C-alpha atoms as a PDB file:
ATOM      1  CA  MET A   1     -17.118  14.855  13.176  1.00  0.00           C
ATOM      2  CA  GLN A   2     -15.704  14.115   9.696  1.00  0.00           C
ATOM      3  CA  GLU A   3     -13.411  11.456  11.135  1.00  0.00           C
ATOM      4  CA  ASN A   4     -11.282   9.355   8.794  1.00  0.00           C
ATOM      5  CA  CYS A   5     -11.742   5.579   8.929  1.00  0.00           C
ATOM      6  CA  PHE A   6      -9.159   3.512   7.040  1.00  0.00           C
ATOM      7  CA  VAL A   7      -9.400   0.018   5.562  1.00  0.00           C
ATOM      8  CA  VAL A   8      -5.945  -1.314   4.666  1.00  0.00           C
ATOM      9  CA  SER A   9      -5.594  -4.509   2.620  1.00  0.00           C
ATOM     10  CA  ASP A  10      -3.414  -6.194   0.021  1.00  0.00           C
ATOM     11  CA  GLU A  11      -3.602  -8.885  -2.644  1.00  0.00           C
ATOM     12  CA  THR A  12      -4.039 -11.618  -0.006  1.00  0.00           C
ATOM     13  CA  LYS A  13      -7.463 -10.089   0.793  1.00  0.00           C
ATOM     14  CA  GLU A  14      -6.532  -9.744   4.459  1.00  0.00           C
ATOM     15  CA  ALA A  15      -7.477  -6.379   5.938  1.00  0.00           C
ATOM     16  CA  VAL A  16      -7.315  -4.180   9.001  1.00  0.00           C
ATOM     17  CA  VAL A  17      -9.719  -1.394   9.896  1.00  0.00           C
ATOM     18  CA  ILE A  18      -8.258   1.609  11.697  1.00  0.00           C
ATOM     19  CA  ASP A  19     -10.460   4.008  13.691  1.00  0.00           C
ATOM     20  CA  CYS A  20     -13.957   2.892  12.757  1.00  0.00           C
ATOM     21  CA  GLY A  21     -15.746   6.099  13.688  1.00  0.00           C
ATOM     22  CA  ALA A  22     -18.877   5.274  11.680  1.00  0.00           C
ATOM     23  CA  PHE A  23     -21.821   6.747  13.602  1.00  0.00           C
ATOM     24  CA  PHE A  24     -24.817   6.734  11.261  1.00  0.00           C
ATOM     25  CA  ASP A  25     -26.233   3.472   9.947  1.00  0.00           C
ATOM     26  CA  GLU A  26     -25.299   4.344   6.371  1.00  0.00           C
ATOM     27  CA  GLU A  27     -21.680   4.908   7.440  1.00  0.00           C
ATOM     28  CA  ARG A  28     -21.582   1.582   9.243  1.00  0.00           C
ATOM     29  CA  ARG A  29     -23.037  -0.155   6.190  1.00  0.00           C
ATOM     30  CA  ALA A  30     -20.496   1.567   3.938  1.00  0.00           C
ATOM     31  CA  VAL A  31     -17.579   0.060   5.874  1.00  0.00           C
ATOM     32  CA  VAL A  32     -19.083  -3.442   5.902  1.00  0.00           C
ATOM     33  CA  ASP A  33     -20.107  -3.182   2.232  1.00  0.00           C
ATOM     34  CA  TYR A  34     -16.568  -2.148   1.301  1.00  0.00           C
ATOM     35  CA  LEU A  35     -15.115  -5.209   3.022  1.00  0.00           C
ATOM     36  CA  ARG A  36     -17.711  -7.557   1.530  1.00  0.00           C
ATOM     37  CA  SER A  37     -17.621  -6.188  -2.013  1.00  0.00           C
ATOM     38  CA  ARG A  38     -13.877  -6.762  -2.203  1.00  0.00           C
ATOM     39  CA  GLY A  39     -13.974 -10.154  -0.534  1.00  0.00           C
ATOM     40  CA  LEU A  40     -11.763  -8.986   2.313  1.00  0.00           C
ATOM     41  CA  THR A  41     -11.069 -10.979   5.461  1.00  0.00           C
ATOM     42  CA  LEU A  42     -10.953  -8.714   8.503  1.00  0.00           C
ATOM     43  CA  ARG A  43      -7.913  -9.654  10.580  1.00  0.00           C
ATOM     44  CA  HIS A  44      -7.614  -6.719  12.970  1.00  0.00           C
ATOM     45  CA  VAL A  45      -9.703  -3.806  14.245  1.00  0.00           C
ATOM     46  CA  LEU A  46      -7.331  -1.130  15.553  1.00  0.00           C
ATOM     47  CA  CYS A  47      -7.802   2.188  17.354  1.00  0.00           C
ATOM     48  CA  THR A  48      -5.279   5.014  17.453  1.00  0.00           C
ATOM     49  CA  HIS A  49      -7.067   6.140  20.616  1.00  0.00           C
ATOM     50  CA  ALA A  50     -10.433   5.812  22.343  1.00  0.00           C
ATOM     51  CA  HIS A  51     -12.158   9.156  21.871  1.00  0.00           C
ATOM     52  CA  PHE A  52     -15.792   8.592  20.973  1.00  0.00           C
ATOM     53  CA  ASP A  53     -15.569   9.830  17.380  1.00  0.00           C
ATOM     54  CA  HIS A  54     -13.001   7.116  16.593  1.00  0.00           C
ATOM     55  CA  ILE A  55     -14.860   4.157  18.104  1.00  0.00           C
ATOM     56  CA  PHE A  56     -18.536   4.692  17.185  1.00  0.00           C
ATOM     57  CA  GLY A  57     -18.651   1.813  14.696  1.00  0.00           C
ATOM     58  CA  LEU A  58     -16.773  -0.873  16.614  1.00  0.00           C
ATOM     59  CA  ASP A  59     -19.933  -2.687  17.705  1.00  0.00           C
ATOM     60  CA  THR A  60     -20.972  -3.149  14.077  1.00  0.00           C
ATOM     61  CA  LEU A  61     -17.629  -4.692  13.117  1.00  0.00           C
ATOM     62  CA  TYR A  62     -17.745  -6.960  16.152  1.00  0.00           C
ATOM     63  CA  ALA A  63     -21.293  -8.078  15.353  1.00  0.00           C
ATOM     64  CA  GLU A  64     -20.406  -8.769  11.706  1.00  0.00           C
ATOM     65  CA  TYR A  65     -16.945 -10.322  12.108  1.00  0.00           C
ATOM     66  CA  GLY A  66     -16.407 -11.166  15.777  1.00  0.00           C
ATOM     67  CA  VAL A  67     -13.077  -9.301  15.787  1.00  0.00           C
ATOM     68  CA  LYS A  68     -12.335  -7.567  19.091  1.00  0.00           C
ATOM     69  CA  PRO A  69     -10.975  -4.027  18.792  1.00  0.00           C
ATOM     70  CA  ARG A  70      -7.500  -3.319  20.104  1.00  0.00           C
ATOM     71  CA  LEU A  71      -6.165  -0.125  21.688  1.00  0.00           C
ATOM     72  CA  HIS A  72      -3.497   0.933  24.164  1.00  0.00           C
ATOM     73  CA  ALA A  73      -4.400   0.088  27.762  1.00  0.00           C
ATOM     74  CA  ALA A  74      -3.868   3.694  28.870  1.00  0.00           C
ATOM     75  CA  ASP A  75      -7.083   4.570  27.003  1.00  0.00           C
ATOM     76  CA  ASP A  76      -9.220   1.856  28.589  1.00  0.00           C
ATOM     77  CA  PHE A  77     -10.888   4.417  30.852  1.00  0.00           C
ATOM     78  CA  LEU A  78     -12.004   6.405  27.807  1.00  0.00           C
ATOM     79  CA  TYR A  79     -13.291   3.314  26.034  1.00  0.00           C
ATOM     80  CA  ASN A  80     -15.209   2.134  29.074  1.00  0.00           C
ATOM     81  CA  GLY A  81     -16.556   5.657  29.575  1.00  0.00           C
ATOM     82  CA  MET A  82     -17.968   6.056  26.054  1.00  0.00           C
ATOM     83  CA  ASN A  83     -21.358   7.175  27.368  1.00  0.00           C
ATOM     84  CA  VAL A  84     -19.702   9.706  29.674  1.00  0.00           C
ATOM     85  CA  GLN A  85     -17.681  11.096  26.757  1.00  0.00           C
ATOM     86  CA  MET A  86     -20.789  11.550  24.652  1.00  0.00           C
ATOM     87  CA  ASN A  87     -22.670  13.260  27.454  1.00  0.00           C
ATOM     88  CA  SER A  88     -19.870  15.634  28.440  1.00  0.00           C
ATOM     89  CA  PHE A  89     -18.800  16.536  24.905  1.00  0.00           C
ATOM     90  CA  LEU A  90     -22.105  16.589  23.012  1.00  0.00           C
ATOM     91  CA  GLY A  91     -24.658  16.657  25.794  1.00  0.00           C
ATOM     92  CA  VAL A  92     -26.464  13.595  24.480  1.00  0.00           C
ATOM     93  CA  ALA A  93     -27.106  10.119  25.862  1.00  0.00           C
ATOM     94  CA  TYR A  94     -25.466   7.175  24.100  1.00  0.00           C
ATOM     95  CA  ASN A  95     -26.424   3.708  25.208  1.00  0.00           C
ATOM     96  CA  ARG A  96     -24.843   1.352  22.684  1.00  0.00           C
ATOM     97  CA  GLN A  97     -22.999  -1.597  24.205  1.00  0.00           C
ATOM     98  CA  MET A  98     -19.318  -1.442  23.342  1.00  0.00           C
ATOM     99  CA  PRO A  99     -17.708  -4.753  22.316  1.00  0.00           C
ATOM    100  CA  PRO A 100     -15.107  -6.491  24.494  1.00  0.00           C
ATOM    101  CA  LEU A 101     -11.537  -5.399  23.886  1.00  0.00           C
ATOM    102  CA  GLY A 102      -8.829  -7.608  22.476  1.00  0.00           C
ATOM    103  CA  ASP A 103      -5.251  -7.703  23.747  1.00  0.00           C
ATOM    104  CA  PRO A 104      -3.883  -4.218  24.520  1.00  0.00           C
ATOM    105  CA  LEU A 105      -1.514  -2.654  22.019  1.00  0.00           C
ATOM    106  CA  ALA A 106       2.114  -2.346  23.109  1.00  0.00           C
ATOM    107  CA  ASP A 107       4.695   0.188  21.987  1.00  0.00           C
ATOM    108  CA  GLY A 108       6.933  -1.386  19.372  1.00  0.00           C
ATOM    109  CA  GLU A 109       4.550  -4.270  18.670  1.00  0.00           C
ATOM    110  CA  GLU A 110       4.216  -5.376  15.055  1.00  0.00           C
ATOM    111  CA  ILE A 111       0.786  -6.392  13.755  1.00  0.00           C
ATOM    112  CA  SER A 112       0.761  -8.672  10.733  1.00  0.00           C
ATOM    113  CA  PHE A 113      -1.833  -8.914   7.981  1.00  0.00           C
ATOM    114  CA  GLY A 114      -1.306 -10.240   4.477  1.00  0.00           C
ATOM    115  CA  HIS A 115       2.260  -9.436   3.429  1.00  0.00           C
ATOM    116  CA  HIS A 116       2.501  -6.372   5.667  1.00  0.00           C
ATOM    117  CA  ARG A 117       3.340  -5.382   9.227  1.00  0.00           C
ATOM    118  CA  LEU A 118       2.077  -2.351  11.102  1.00  0.00           C
ATOM    119  CA  LYS A 119       4.338  -1.117  13.883  1.00  0.00           C
ATOM    120  CA  VAL A 120       2.715   0.416  16.960  1.00  0.00           C
ATOM    121  CA  LEU A 121       4.290   3.674  18.174  1.00  0.00           C
ATOM    122  CA  HIS A 122       2.987   4.991  21.496  1.00  0.00           C
ATOM    123  CA  THR A 123       2.567   8.783  21.346  1.00  0.00           C
ATOM    124  CA  PRO A 124       0.742  10.021  24.463  1.00  0.00           C
ATOM    125  CA  GLY A 125      -0.524  13.568  24.550  1.00  0.00           C
ATOM    126  CA  HIS A 126      -3.825  13.827  22.707  1.00  0.00           C
ATOM    127  CA  SER A 127      -4.862  10.992  25.012  1.00  0.00           C
ATOM    128  CA  PRO A 128      -2.770   8.828  27.336  1.00  0.00           C
ATOM    129  CA  GLY A 129      -3.006   5.829  25.014  1.00  0.00           C
ATOM    130  CA  SER A 130      -2.642   7.502  21.640  1.00  0.00           C
ATOM    131  CA  VAL A 131      -0.652   5.427  19.155  1.00  0.00           C
ATOM    132  CA  LEU A 132       0.503   5.637  15.558  1.00  0.00           C
ATOM    133  CA  PHE A 133       0.470   2.730  13.102  1.00  0.00           C
ATOM    134  CA  TYR A 134       3.547   2.739  10.888  1.00  0.00           C
ATOM    135  CA  LEU A 135       4.008   0.766   7.676  1.00  0.00           C
ATOM    136  CA  LYS A 136       7.758   1.194   7.251  1.00  0.00           C
ATOM    137  CA  GLU A 137       8.214  -0.525   3.902  1.00  0.00           C
ATOM    138  CA  GLU A 138       5.225   1.249   2.364  1.00  0.00           C
ATOM    139  CA  LYS A 139       6.201   4.594   3.949  1.00  0.00           C
ATOM    140  CA  MET A 140       2.746   5.167   5.405  1.00  0.00           C
ATOM    141  CA  LEU A 141       1.712   6.400   8.841  1.00  0.00           C
ATOM    142  CA  PHE A 142      -1.761   6.354  10.392  1.00  0.00           C
ATOM    143  CA  ALA A 143      -1.509   9.136  12.940  1.00  0.00           C
ATOM    144  CA  GLY A 144      -4.926   9.370  14.562  1.00  0.00           C
ATOM    145  CA  ASP A 145      -5.274  12.762  16.241  1.00  0.00           C
ATOM    146  CA  THR A 146      -1.619  13.127  17.222  1.00  0.00           C
ATOM    147  CA  LEU A 147      -0.681  14.941  14.005  1.00  0.00           C
ATOM    148  CA  PHE A 148      -2.759  16.797  11.407  1.00  0.00           C
ATOM    149  CA  ARG A 149      -1.760  18.672   8.290  1.00  0.00           C
ATOM    150  CA  MET A 150      -0.076  21.802   9.685  1.00  0.00           C
ATOM    151  CA  SER A 151      -1.594  21.185  13.109  1.00  0.00           C
ATOM    152  CA  VAL A 152      -1.705  18.770  16.047  1.00  0.00           C
ATOM    153  CA  GLY A 153      -4.343  17.199  18.257  1.00  0.00           C
ATOM    154  CA  ARG A 154      -6.040  19.018  21.094  1.00  0.00           C
ATOM    155  CA  THR A 155      -5.010  18.268  24.659  1.00  0.00           C
ATOM    156  CA  ASP A 156      -7.851  19.796  26.666  1.00  0.00           C
ATOM    157  CA  LEU A 157      -9.875  16.573  26.898  1.00  0.00           C
ATOM    158  CA  GLU A 158      -9.581  14.182  29.848  1.00  0.00           C
ATOM    159  CA  GLY A 159      -6.126  12.657  30.067  1.00  0.00           C
ATOM    160  CA  GLY A 160      -4.622  15.008  27.500  1.00  0.00           C
ATOM    161  CA  SER A 161      -1.212  16.587  28.059  1.00  0.00           C
ATOM    162  CA  TRP A 162       0.370  19.320  25.948  1.00  0.00           C
ATOM    163  CA  GLN A 163       3.825  18.529  27.301  1.00  0.00           C
ATOM    164  CA  GLN A 164       3.461  14.832  26.450  1.00  0.00           C
ATOM    165  CA  LEU A 165       2.155  15.642  22.974  1.00  0.00           C
ATOM    166  CA  MET A 166       5.138  17.870  22.216  1.00  0.00           C
ATOM    167  CA  GLU A 167       7.511  15.187  23.514  1.00  0.00           C
ATOM    168  CA  SER A 168       5.807  12.566  21.337  1.00  0.00           C
ATOM    169  CA  LEU A 169       5.995  14.743  18.245  1.00  0.00           C
ATOM    170  CA  HIS A 170       9.704  15.424  18.616  1.00  0.00           C
ATOM    171  CA  ARG A 171      10.708  12.018  20.017  1.00  0.00           C
ATOM    172  CA  VAL A 172       8.781   9.883  17.520  1.00  0.00           C
ATOM    173  CA  VAL A 173       7.108  11.748  14.666  1.00  0.00           C
ATOM    174  CA  ALA A 174       9.909  14.131  13.673  1.00  0.00           C
ATOM    175  CA  LYS A 175      12.400  11.244  13.457  1.00  0.00           C
ATOM    176  CA  LEU A 176      10.478   9.351  10.783  1.00  0.00           C
ATOM    177  CA  PRO A 177      11.666   9.597   7.151  1.00  0.00           C
ATOM    178  CA  ALA A 178      10.592  12.749   5.329  1.00  0.00           C
ATOM    179  CA  ASP A 179       8.843  10.855   2.523  1.00  0.00           C
ATOM    180  CA  VAL A 180       6.452   8.986   4.822  1.00  0.00           C
ATOM    181  CA  LYS A 181       2.850   9.813   3.929  1.00  0.00           C
ATOM    182  CA  VAL A 182       0.679  10.667   6.930  1.00  0.00           C
ATOM    183  CA  TYR A 183      -3.002   9.765   7.154  1.00  0.00           C
ATOM    184  CA  SER A 184      -4.590  11.601  10.073  1.00  0.00           C
ATOM    185  CA  GLY A 185      -7.796  11.028  11.978  1.00  0.00           C
ATOM    186  CA  HIS A 186      -9.317  14.196  10.520  1.00  0.00           C
ATOM    187  CA  GLY A 187      -8.569  16.240   7.423  1.00  0.00           C
ATOM    188  CA  PRO A 188      -6.279  15.662   4.442  1.00  0.00           C
ATOM    189  CA  ALA A 189      -3.124  13.588   4.144  1.00  0.00           C
ATOM    190  CA  THR A 190       0.327  15.109   4.452  1.00  0.00           C
ATOM    191  CA  THR A 191       3.966  13.980   4.710  1.00  0.00           C
ATOM    192  CA  ILE A 192       6.479  13.950   7.535  1.00  0.00           C
ATOM    193  CA  GLY A 193       8.788  16.207   5.516  1.00  0.00           C
ATOM    194  CA  ASP A 194       6.134  18.879   5.002  1.00  0.00           C
ATOM    195  CA  GLU A 195       5.189  18.822   8.674  1.00  0.00           C
ATOM    196  CA  VAL A 196       8.779  19.028   9.929  1.00  0.00           C
ATOM    197  CA  ARG A 197       9.413  21.997   7.620  1.00  0.00           C
ATOM    198  CA  ARG A 198       6.158  23.903   7.957  1.00  0.00           C
ATOM    199  CA  ASN A 199       4.091  22.740  10.925  1.00  0.00           C
ATOM    200  CA  PRO A 200       4.532  25.431  13.612  1.00  0.00           C
ATOM    201  CA  TYR A 201       4.386  22.830  16.375  1.00  0.00           C
ATOM    202  CA  LEU A 202       7.248  20.835  14.896  1.00  0.00           C
ATOM    203  CA  ASN A 203       9.209  23.780  13.522  1.00  0.00           C
ATOM    204  CA  PRO A 204       8.452  26.832  15.677  1.00  0.00           C
ATOM    205  CA  SER A 205      10.903  29.005  13.765  1.00  0.00           C
END
């Protein structure tokens, strides 16, 4: 699936993991080895949404660190239906036990780690519970599958809504500063300015 998993940390050695989509054992080990080799303390495990390719590796993090993953409550049905997602999308059985969820993410909530604070921005459309994680001071945005470089997330999966996605893009994403760097759930990084100017879904002209 070539999904992007992000480990964000600072000089305090506190870290968050965003969208741990590690499926194969070597990918799971790579995430844990990264945390261990740098002496990082895992404070939060966060999900931009609960599609299967973004939550594969959560059981490994829970087993290693005991940190419950957090996502928006509107995606609980996707999280709890992980096996159904796998069967309907890939036609394969998946019987791993998903870890218990932590407190649901709320729009506008700020999540602290080290010297930094991630702000949760609810952007339904790709899924009902899709969120962005915004580091205002650092001018960084973790966008999940809401926004890609010159594209946007699909809305044909269960709970998706094209109308909601377009509203989220124009209500939330397009209003962020132009120099904010965007890290998406798939593909390369981009900036808000480039997307507002050139992304056909944000600038149809």
